[in-house]
């Protein structure tokens, strides 16, 4: 069994979502052989030298405990936590995977992505994404003191939230033509992604071939969701807080 999640956006502002994720790692997730986290596990990540922060310590420890218990955990960068690095991966016992990622099982083939790279109609965001994903930007940002980085990240988050409030929908969707090209380039594999916060299952016909696209749900204080591959089919599973 393989589980997929995305867009948890864990932070001190969302203690309910964090508690739900910790319960998930300690319980439901350990019934699977593998867990894929497809971006935005954290609301912000300002560098691996912040890993000992109280905001992150419990999450890193829970990931390590689940990994040590036999769960193979793979994490993809999102648009919020693209600075997750090797030190984080080593401490958490996880594997960082690149985007797009081809997942082949004995029964099926999937292509995994966070999804933001295909939101081409959002020109402002695509310019921002191109800038902050360069090695030069990473080096310059990580050279700043932690407090300064935290202030910059808070400002970027506030600007993003303000921009979202001005839209008819909070998050841009994937551009249809780019999505079809993506499906074609990756052999018409079933596409799983997050980012848009618009959970749905889409049916695409590309070159006469039916291709499914599964959009993962974002997590909230009182509700999460994982996508489950049981070896025969995909299905969604709602996660709610355990009774205390």
Protein backbone atom coordinates (compact mmCIF):
# COMPACT_ATOMS: atom_id res chain seq x y z
CA UNK A 1 0.00 0.00 0.00
CA UNK A 2 1.26 3.48 -0.92
CA UNK A 3 -0.04 6.75 0.53
CA UNK A 4 0.15 10.24 -0.97
CA UNK A 5 -0.38 13.60 0.77
CA UNK A 6 0.41 17.24 -0.01
CA UNK A 7 -0.17 20.79 1.18
CA UNK A 8 -0.17 20.26 4.91
CA UNK A 9 1.38 23.73 5.45
CA UNK A 10 2.44 22.87 8.99
CA UNK A 11 3.36 25.82 11.19
CA UNK A 12 2.79 27.15 14.71
CA UNK A 13 -0.36 28.79 13.33
CA UNK A 14 -1.89 25.35 12.61
CA UNK A 15 -1.44 23.21 15.74
CA UNK A 16 -4.46 21.08 14.82
CA UNK A 17 -3.02 20.09 11.45
CA UNK A 18 0.32 19.33 13.09
CA UNK A 19 -1.32 17.10 15.71
CA UNK A 20 -3.28 15.33 12.97
CA UNK A 21 -0.09 14.69 10.98
CA UNK A 22 1.75 13.36 14.04
CA UNK A 23 -1.14 10.95 14.71
CA UNK A 24 -1.10 9.95 11.05
CA UNK A 25 2.62 9.14 11.16
CA UNK A 26 2.25 7.16 14.37
CA UNK A 27 -0.78 5.21 13.18
CA UNK A 28 -2.38 5.02 9.74
CA UNK A 29 0.78 5.73 7.76
CA UNK A 30 2.60 2.76 9.30
CA UNK A 31 0.12 0.37 7.72
CA UNK A 32 1.62 1.33 4.32
CA UNK A 33 4.94 0.47 2.77
CA UNK A 34 5.58 3.98 1.45
CA UNK A 35 4.45 7.56 1.94
CA UNK A 36 4.93 10.30 -0.65
CA UNK A 37 4.60 13.91 0.52
CA UNK A 38 4.22 16.00 -2.64
CA UNK A 39 5.24 19.43 -1.45
CA UNK A 40 4.38 22.03 1.16
CA UNK A 41 4.75 19.83 4.19
CA UNK A 42 5.74 23.06 5.93
CA UNK A 43 4.23 26.50 5.52
CA UNK A 44 7.76 27.91 5.39
CA UNK A 45 11.27 26.46 5.57
CA UNK A 46 14.06 28.99 5.89
CA UNK A 47 16.97 26.57 5.90
CA UNK A 48 18.16 23.34 7.46
CA UNK A 49 20.02 25.25 10.16
CA UNK A 50 16.57 26.01 11.62
CA UNK A 51 15.84 22.30 12.06
CA UNK A 52 16.22 22.41 15.85
CA UNK A 53 13.51 25.04 16.15
CA UNK A 54 10.65 23.99 18.49
CA UNK A 55 8.35 24.61 15.53
CA UNK A 56 9.96 21.71 13.65
CA UNK A 57 11.47 19.34 16.23
CA UNK A 58 8.36 17.23 16.90
CA UNK A 59 7.62 16.84 13.18
CA UNK A 60 11.20 15.82 12.34
CA UNK A 61 11.22 13.35 15.24
CA UNK A 62 7.89 11.83 14.13
CA UNK A 63 9.14 11.41 10.57
CA UNK A 64 12.28 9.70 11.90
CA UNK A 65 10.25 7.38 14.15
CA UNK A 66 7.97 6.35 11.28
CA UNK A 67 10.98 5.80 9.02
CA UNK A 68 12.76 3.73 11.68
CA UNK A 69 9.58 1.65 12.01
CA UNK A 70 9.87 0.68 8.32
CA UNK A 71 7.87 3.32 6.45
CA UNK A 72 9.69 4.57 3.35
CA UNK A 73 9.05 8.32 3.24
CA UNK A 74 9.75 10.43 0.16
CA UNK A 75 9.33 14.21 0.17
CA UNK A 76 9.11 16.57 -2.79
CA UNK A 77 9.74 20.28 -2.57
CA UNK A 78 6.71 22.56 -2.72
CA UNK A 79 6.44 26.26 -3.37
CA UNK A 80 6.64 26.94 0.39
CA UNK A 81 9.39 24.55 1.51
CA UNK A 82 11.72 24.39 -1.48
CA UNK A 83 14.74 24.95 0.79
CA UNK A 84 14.41 21.56 2.48
CA UNK A 85 17.88 20.05 2.18
CA UNK A 86 20.09 17.07 2.89
CA UNK A 87 20.52 17.84 6.61
CA UNK A 88 16.75 17.80 7.06
CA UNK A 89 16.45 14.55 5.10
CA UNK A 90 19.15 12.87 7.20
CA UNK A 91 17.62 13.98 10.49
CA UNK A 92 14.09 12.97 9.48
CA UNK A 93 15.08 9.69 7.83
CA UNK A 94 13.42 10.64 4.55
CA UNK A 95 14.38 10.80 0.90
CA UNK A 96 14.09 14.03 -1.07
CA UNK A 97 12.81 13.40 -4.60
CA UNK A 98 12.92 15.65 -7.63
CA UNK A 99 9.97 16.86 -9.68
CA UNK A 100 8.54 15.27 -11.75
CA UNK A 101 9.04 11.83 -10.25
CA UNK A 102 8.11 8.59 -12.00
CA UNK A 103 6.73 5.96 -9.63
CA UNK A 104 6.48 2.52 -11.17
CA UNK A 105 4.81 -0.32 -9.29
CA UNK A 106 4.22 -3.90 -10.38
CA UNK A 107 0.68 -2.92 -11.32
CA UNK A 108 0.77 0.67 -12.57
CA UNK A 109 2.80 3.76 -13.36
CA UNK A 110 2.37 7.22 -11.86
CA UNK A 111 3.98 10.59 -12.40
CA UNK A 112 4.20 12.77 -9.29
CA UNK A 113 4.63 16.54 -8.99
CA UNK A 114 3.79 19.36 -6.65
CA UNK A 115 1.91 21.03 -9.51
CA UNK A 116 2.92 24.69 -9.37
CA UNK A 117 5.29 24.42 -12.33
CA UNK A 118 2.26 23.92 -14.59
CA UNK A 119 0.36 27.01 -13.38
CA UNK A 120 1.65 28.96 -16.38
CA UNK A 121 -1.27 31.39 -16.53
CA UNK A 122 -0.09 32.97 -13.27
CA UNK A 123 2.71 35.00 -14.84
CA UNK A 124 3.59 36.86 -11.63
CA UNK A 125 4.03 33.65 -9.68
CA UNK A 126 6.03 31.98 -12.46
CA UNK A 127 8.47 34.92 -12.46
CA UNK A 128 8.82 34.64 -8.69
CA UNK A 129 9.28 30.86 -8.90
CA UNK A 130 12.02 31.18 -11.53
CA UNK A 131 13.89 33.67 -9.33
CA UNK A 132 13.79 31.81 -6.01
CA UNK A 133 14.66 28.40 -7.45
CA UNK A 134 18.12 29.48 -8.67
CA UNK A 135 21.30 28.40 -6.81
CA UNK A 136 22.34 32.05 -6.60
CA UNK A 137 19.13 33.03 -4.78
CA UNK A 138 19.46 30.05 -2.44
CA UNK A 139 23.04 30.94 -1.54
CA UNK A 140 22.27 34.61 -0.96
CA UNK A 141 19.20 33.85 1.15
CA UNK A 142 20.86 31.16 3.27
CA UNK A 143 23.80 33.49 3.97
CA UNK A 144 21.49 35.84 5.88
CA UNK A 145 20.97 35.47 9.66
CA UNK A 146 18.09 33.25 10.73
CA UNK A 147 16.07 36.12 12.15
CA UNK A 148 16.35 38.05 8.91
CA UNK A 149 15.36 35.01 6.87
CA UNK A 150 12.35 34.46 9.10
CA UNK A 151 11.24 38.05 8.61
CA UNK A 152 11.64 37.76 4.83
CA UNK A 153 9.64 34.51 4.79
CA UNK A 154 6.87 36.11 6.87
CA UNK A 155 6.74 39.02 4.43
CA UNK A 156 6.57 36.69 1.43
CA UNK A 157 3.77 34.73 3.05
CA UNK A 158 1.81 37.89 3.80
CA UNK A 159 2.23 39.07 0.21
CA UNK A 160 1.06 35.70 -1.08
CA UNK A 161 -2.02 35.76 1.14
CA UNK A 162 -2.86 39.30 0.02
CA UNK A 163 -2.54 38.25 -3.63
CA UNK A 164 -4.80 35.25 -3.05
CA UNK A 165 -7.51 37.44 -1.50
CA UNK A 166 -7.65 39.47 -4.71
CA UNK A 167 -8.38 36.42 -6.87
CA UNK A 168 -11.73 34.84 -7.60
CA UNK A 169 -10.13 31.55 -6.57
CA UNK A 170 -7.28 31.43 -4.02
CA UNK A 171 -4.95 29.26 -6.13
CA UNK A 172 -4.31 29.17 -9.85
CA UNK A 173 -5.10 25.94 -11.66
CA UNK A 174 -2.86 24.05 -14.03
CA UNK A 175 -2.82 25.32 -17.60
CA UNK A 176 -4.74 22.77 -19.73
CA UNK A 177 -2.40 22.74 -22.73
CA UNK A 178 0.71 22.45 -20.55
CA UNK A 179 -0.94 19.66 -18.57
CA UNK A 180 -1.70 17.67 -21.72
CA UNK A 181 1.88 18.13 -22.91
CA UNK A 182 3.11 16.97 -19.49
CA UNK A 183 0.95 13.83 -19.65
CA UNK A 184 2.18 13.10 -23.16
CA UNK A 185 5.83 13.58 -22.19
CA UNK A 186 5.47 11.17 -19.29
CA UNK A 187 3.92 8.30 -21.18
CA UNK A 188 0.27 8.95 -20.23
CA UNK A 189 0.98 7.85 -16.65
CA UNK A 190 -1.59 8.58 -13.97
CA UNK A 191 -0.75 12.06 -12.67
CA UNK A 192 -0.87 12.84 -8.93
CA UNK A 193 -0.20 16.37 -7.65
CA UNK A 194 -1.16 18.99 -5.09
CA UNK A 195 -0.68 22.76 -4.88
CA UNK A 196 -4.06 24.00 -6.15
CA UNK A 197 -6.08 23.12 -3.02
CA UNK A 198 -8.81 21.94 -5.37
CA UNK A 199 -9.08 18.19 -4.72
CA UNK A 200 -10.67 16.38 -7.64
CA UNK A 201 -10.18 13.57 -10.12
CA UNK A 202 -9.89 14.74 -13.72
CA UNK A 203 -10.23 12.64 -16.85
CA UNK A 204 -8.02 13.73 -19.75
CA UNK A 205 -8.09 12.37 -23.28
CA UNK A 206 -4.61 12.87 -24.71
CA UNK A 207 -3.90 11.53 -28.20
CA UNK A 208 -6.96 9.34 -27.81
CA UNK A 209 -5.71 7.87 -24.52
CA UNK A 210 -7.62 8.23 -21.27
CA UNK A 211 -5.39 9.59 -18.48
CA UNK A 212 -6.44 10.27 -14.90
CA UNK A 213 -5.21 13.27 -12.90
CA UNK A 214 -5.70 13.13 -9.13
CA UNK A 215 -5.41 16.41 -7.22
CA UNK A 216 -4.53 15.98 -3.55
CA UNK A 217 -6.43 17.83 -0.83
CA UNK A 218 -4.87 20.43 1.43
CA UNK A 219 -4.99 19.85 5.19
CA UNK A 220 -6.91 21.86 7.78
CA UNK A 221 -7.04 22.11 11.55
CA UNK A 222 -9.76 19.46 11.81
CA UNK A 223 -9.37 17.43 8.64
CA UNK A 224 -6.76 15.89 6.39
CA UNK A 225 -6.77 13.50 3.50
CA UNK A 226 -4.51 10.90 1.97
CA UNK A 227 -4.72 9.21 -1.39
CA UNK A 228 -4.30 5.44 -1.17
CA UNK A 229 -2.96 3.05 -3.80
CA UNK A 230 -3.95 -0.46 -2.70
CA UNK A 231 -2.37 -2.26 -5.64
CA UNK A 232 -5.54 -2.19 -7.71
CA UNK A 233 -7.03 1.30 -7.52
CA UNK A 234 -6.67 4.76 -6.02
CA UNK A 235 -9.11 6.01 -3.41
CA UNK A 236 -9.28 8.93 -0.99
CA UNK A 237 -9.29 8.51 2.74
CA UNK A 238 -10.40 11.27 5.11
CA UNK A 239 -8.32 11.79 8.25
CA UNK A 240 -9.81 13.37 11.38
CA UNK A 241 -8.37 14.02 14.83
CA UNK A 242 -8.32 11.08 17.19
CA UNK A 243 -10.50 11.27 20.28
CA UNK A 244 -8.44 12.45 23.23
